[in-house]
Amino acid sequence: MAIIGAGLGGLCLAQGLRRRGVAFEVYEKDPAINSRTQGYRFRLDGHGHHSLQKCLPPDLYQLVLATCATPTSGGRFVDTALNEVIGRAVDTWSSAETSDAPEMPGDLSINRSPLREKLLTDLTPRVHFGKALIEVSETDDYVFARFSDGTTVTADLLLAAEGVNSIVRQ
């Protein structure tokens, strides 16, 4: 199996596959994990929190939790002029104080770059940087990925995790 994209989604998927003993390789166009900025923080609701727990080994999950903040409000939204915008909060967002179901924890505020680094834990031999996908072709049995450096990969399954302009999805 080949995963195209070593962002948060691709690496979380890789951790889940690793945890279940499924063979995979990850291919990322960036030359290194820290070669570009990844944004700042994002909010992970209870559903995402639960999914992250299912994918990660328990010790890595605890390490991720130790780097998270717990939001105390539904958030504050502003427009480009920094005027407050009312009614933008997502219905599923909750603070730790308002989460009344133990199986559905409150939201987490996560720093994107450290999370990506933690998701790379124990995956480095299987993550290949500098692999910009340029073409995908397939037969009845296999999928072929060709990268800008001239290398190719043959896989039985190719998973798209390379973002909004996905070549795999095209």
Foldseek 3Di string as FASTA:
>chain_A
DEEEALFLVSLLVVLQCVVVVHDYFYEYQAQDLPNDDDDFKDKDFQVRLLSSCNRHDPVLNVVQVVQKDFDPDQDWDADPVRDTDPDPRDPRADTQVPDPDPSRGHMIIGTRSVSSVSSCPPVVVRYHYNFAWDDWDDDPQWIKTAGPVGDIDIDRDYHYPHDDVTPVVD
